[in-house]
C-alpha atoms as a PDB file:
ATOM      1  CA  MET A   1       1.271 -14.092   2.350  1.00  0.00           C
ATOM      2  CA  PRO A   2       0.738 -10.491   2.780  1.00  0.00           C
ATOM      3  CA  LEU A   3       3.561  -9.955   0.820  1.00  0.00           C
ATOM      4  CA  ILE A   4       1.545 -11.382  -1.914  1.00  0.00           C
ATOM      5  CA  LEU A   5      -1.538  -9.815  -1.340  1.00  0.00           C
ATOM      6  CA  ALA A   6       0.123  -5.890  -1.052  1.00  0.00           C
ATOM      7  CA  CYS A   7       1.746  -6.951  -4.739  1.00  0.00           C
ATOM      8  CA  LYS A   8      -1.509  -8.500  -5.942  1.00  0.00           C
ATOM      9  CA  LYS A   9      -3.457  -4.742  -5.336  1.00  0.00           C
ATOM     10  CA  GLY A  10      -0.386  -2.331  -6.070  1.00  0.00           C
ATOM     11  CA  HIS A  11       0.569  -1.382  -2.624  1.00  0.00           C
ATOM     12  CA  GLY A  12       4.052  -0.451  -3.004  1.00  0.00           C
ATOM     13  CA  ASP A  13       3.971   1.504   0.467  1.00  0.00           C
ATOM     14  CA  ILE A  14       3.034  -2.009   1.988  1.00  0.00           C
ATOM     15  CA  VAL A  15       5.336  -4.120   0.078  1.00  0.00           C
ATOM     16  CA  LYS A  16       8.224  -1.318   0.921  1.00  0.00           C
ATOM     17  CA  LEU A  17       7.155  -1.923   5.010  1.00  0.00           C
ATOM     18  CA  LEU A  18       7.256  -5.790   4.119  1.00  0.00           C
ATOM     19  CA  LEU A  19      10.572  -5.984   2.495  1.00  0.00           C
ATOM     20  CA  SER A  20      12.175  -3.475   5.282  1.00  0.00           C
ATOM     21  CA  TYR A  21      11.750  -7.002   7.508  1.00  0.00           C
ATOM     22  CA  ASP A  22      14.558  -9.388   7.682  1.00  0.00           C
ATOM     23  CA  ASN A  23      11.931 -12.461   8.028  1.00  0.00           C
ATOM     24  CA  VAL A  24       9.830 -11.528   5.283  1.00  0.00           C
ATOM     25  CA  GLU A  25      10.113 -14.805   2.672  1.00  0.00           C
ATOM     26  CA  PRO A  26       9.955 -13.194  -0.753  1.00  0.00           C
ATOM     27  CA  TYR A  27       9.903 -16.758  -2.195  1.00  0.00           C
ATOM     28  CA  PHE A  28       6.481 -17.643  -0.516  1.00  0.00           C
ATOM     29  CA  GLY A  29       4.345 -18.608  -3.232  1.00  0.00           C
ATOM     30  CA  ASP A  30       0.389 -19.233  -3.577  1.00  0.00           C
ATOM     31  CA  ASN A  31      -1.528 -21.859  -3.994  1.00  0.00           C
ATOM     32  CA  LYS A  32      -0.229 -22.253  -7.763  1.00  0.00           C
ATOM     33  CA  GLY A  33       3.567 -21.708  -6.824  1.00  0.00           C
ATOM     34  CA  CYS A  34       3.077 -17.781  -7.913  1.00  0.00           C
ATOM     35  CA  MET A  35       5.254 -15.600  -6.185  1.00  0.00           C
ATOM     36  CA  ALA A  36       4.982 -11.729  -5.359  1.00  0.00           C
ATOM     37  CA  LEU A  37       7.175 -10.504  -8.093  1.00  0.00           C
ATOM     38  CA  SER A  38       5.138 -12.472 -10.704  1.00  0.00           C
ATOM     39  CA  TRP A  39       1.819 -11.256  -9.295  1.00  0.00           C
ATOM     40  CA  ALA A  40       3.153  -7.247  -9.533  1.00  0.00           C
ATOM     41  CA  ALA A  41       4.601  -7.771 -12.833  1.00  0.00           C
ATOM     42  CA  TYR A  42       1.315  -9.377 -14.006  1.00  0.00           C
ATOM     43  CA  LYS A  43      -0.987  -6.429 -12.900  1.00  0.00           C
ATOM     44  CA  GLY A  44       1.567  -4.308 -14.117  1.00  0.00           C
ATOM     45  CA  TYR A  45       2.315  -2.210 -11.269  1.00  0.00           C
ATOM     46  CA  GLU A  46       5.986  -0.800 -11.875  1.00  0.00           C
ATOM     47  CA  ALA A  47       6.614   0.726  -9.093  1.00  0.00           C
ATOM     48  CA  VAL A  48       5.965  -2.696  -7.003  1.00  0.00           C
ATOM     49  CA  VAL A  49       8.155  -4.404  -9.378  1.00  0.00           C
ATOM     50  CA  GLU A  50      10.753  -1.658  -9.014  1.00  0.00           C
ATOM     51  CA  LEU A  51      10.688  -2.181  -5.176  1.00  0.00           C
ATOM     52  CA  LEU A  52      10.957  -5.916  -5.473  1.00  0.00           C
ATOM     53  CA  LEU A  53      13.907  -5.840  -8.325  1.00  0.00           C
ATOM     54  CA  VAL A  54      16.129  -3.962  -6.088  1.00  0.00           C
ATOM     55  CA  ASP A  55      15.563  -6.323  -3.054  1.00  0.00           C
ATOM     56  CA  GLU A  56      18.886  -8.693  -3.490  1.00  0.00           C
ATOM     57  CA  ARG A  57      16.550 -11.238  -1.698  1.00  0.00           C
ATOM     58  CA  ILE A  58      14.345 -11.486  -5.066  1.00  0.00           C
ATOM     59  CA  ASP A  59      15.240 -14.015  -7.657  1.00  0.00           C
ATOM     60  CA  LYS A  60      13.963 -12.159 -11.166  1.00  0.00           C
ATOM     61  CA  ASN A  61      13.827 -15.443 -12.965  1.00  0.00           C
ATOM     62  CA  ILE A  62      11.844 -17.810 -10.420  1.00  0.00           C
ATOM     63  CA  GLN A  63       9.422 -20.199 -11.644  1.00  0.00           C
ATOM     64  CA  ASP A  64       6.054 -20.929 -10.448  1.00  0.00           C
ATOM     65  CA  TYR A  65       4.931 -24.581 -10.298  1.00  0.00           C
ATOM     66  CA  ASP A  66       4.031 -23.956 -14.361  1.00  0.00           C
ATOM     67  CA  GLY A  67       7.475 -23.008 -14.765  1.00  0.00           C
ATOM     68  CA  LEU A  68       6.107 -19.582 -15.857  1.00  0.00           C
ATOM     69  CA  THR A  69       8.345 -16.645 -14.718  1.00  0.00           C
ATOM     70  CA  PRO A  70       7.923 -13.228 -13.845  1.00  0.00           C
ATOM     71  CA  LEU A  71       8.435 -11.943 -17.368  1.00  0.00           C
ATOM     72  CA  ILE A  72       6.443 -14.674 -18.755  1.00  0.00           C
ATOM     73  CA  TRP A  73       3.366 -13.669 -16.898  1.00  0.00           C
ATOM     74  CA  VAL A  74       3.602  -9.784 -17.649  1.00  0.00           C
ATOM     75  CA  ALA A  75       4.150 -10.413 -21.135  1.00  0.00           C
ATOM     76  CA  GLN A  76       1.053 -12.375 -21.680  1.00  0.00           C
ATOM     77  CA  LYS A  77      -0.137  -8.985 -20.422  1.00  0.00           C
ATOM     78  CA  PHE A  78       1.858  -6.916 -22.903  1.00  0.00           C
ATOM     79  CA  HIS A  79       2.639  -4.402 -20.192  1.00  0.00           C
ATOM     80  CA  GLU A  80       4.973  -2.496 -21.987  1.00  0.00           C
ATOM     81  CA  LEU A  81       6.760  -0.633 -19.478  1.00  0.00           C
ATOM     82  CA  THR A  82       7.104  -3.608 -16.861  1.00  0.00           C
ATOM     83  CA  VAL A  83       8.625  -5.525 -19.726  1.00  0.00           C
ATOM     84  CA  ARG A  84      11.123  -3.638 -20.043  1.00  0.00           C
ATOM     85  CA  LEU A  85      11.660  -3.146 -16.631  1.00  0.00           C
ATOM     86  CA  LEU A  86      11.999  -6.821 -15.937  1.00  0.00           C
ATOM     87  CA  VAL A  87      14.548  -6.883 -18.641  1.00  0.00           C
ATOM     88  CA  ARG A  88      16.697  -4.129 -17.749  1.00  0.00           C
ATOM     89  CA  HIS A  89      16.952  -5.735 -14.499  1.00  0.00           C
ATOM     90  CA  GLY A  90      18.373  -9.275 -15.899  1.00  0.00           C
ATOM     91  CA  CYS A  91      15.089 -10.812 -16.500  1.00  0.00           C
ATOM     92  CA  GLN A  92      15.983 -13.961 -18.795  1.00  0.00           C
ATOM     93  CA  ILE A  93      14.395 -13.715 -22.459  1.00  0.00           C
ATOM     94  CA  CYS A  94      16.634 -16.355 -23.868  1.00  0.00           C
ATOM     95  CA  ASP A  95      15.033 -18.924 -21.248  1.00  0.00           C
ATOM     96  CA  LEU A  96      11.803 -18.361 -23.017  1.00  0.00           C
ATOM     97  CA  ASP A  97      10.420 -21.191 -25.791  1.00  0.00           C
ATOM     98  CA  GLU A  98      11.476 -19.574 -29.240  1.00  0.00           C
ATOM     99  CA  ASP A  99       8.545 -21.016 -30.852  1.00  0.00           C
ATOM    100  CA  SER A 100       6.340 -19.290 -27.832  1.00  0.00           C
ATOM    101  CA  PHE A 101       4.189 -16.287 -28.428  1.00  0.00           C
ATOM    102  CA  VAL A 102       5.492 -15.112 -25.138  1.00  0.00           C
ATOM    103  CA  PHE A 103       8.778 -15.186 -26.275  1.00  0.00           C
ATOM    104  CA  HIS A 104       8.297 -13.025 -29.485  1.00  0.00           C
ATOM    105  CA  ALA A 105       5.804 -10.461 -27.413  1.00  0.00           C
ATOM    106  CA  ALA A 106       8.876  -9.936 -25.243  1.00  0.00           C
ATOM    107  CA  LEU A 107      11.238  -9.459 -28.117  1.00  0.00           C
ATOM    108  CA  PHE A 108       8.976  -7.078 -29.913  1.00  0.00           C
ATOM    109  CA  ILE A 109       8.625  -5.027 -26.357  1.00  0.00           C
ATOM    110  CA  SER A 110      12.140  -5.118 -25.612  1.00  0.00           C
ATOM    111  CA  ASP A 111      14.443  -2.824 -27.239  1.00  0.00           C
ATOM    112  CA  ASP A 112      17.694  -3.957 -25.533  1.00  0.00           C
ATOM    113  CA  GLY A 113      18.966  -5.761 -28.576  1.00  0.00           C
ATOM    114  CA  PHE A 114      18.059  -9.385 -27.917  1.00  0.00           C
END
């Protein structure tokens, strides 16, 4: 839970410190199953998202209890730089429903040729 709280508040230094511990659990979700990466993306904290994306323990396409991925969370908020960051690090646009608003938002924001 400390990792999620640090990500929700955009505290990059704390996130970096927590990720330095082997026993940190990056897949620990909140009461809706939302993980640290989803919260950092949703809030638009690019530096925190970057810290999480370079950690090999983080699944970039992990889903919460409703099936929402970090890319879906961030595309809903139109955080352009964070969408680009997630796509550059391999988050899957193709997994989104092609009829959804979020799919089109991610495609619109992304300039990676999707």
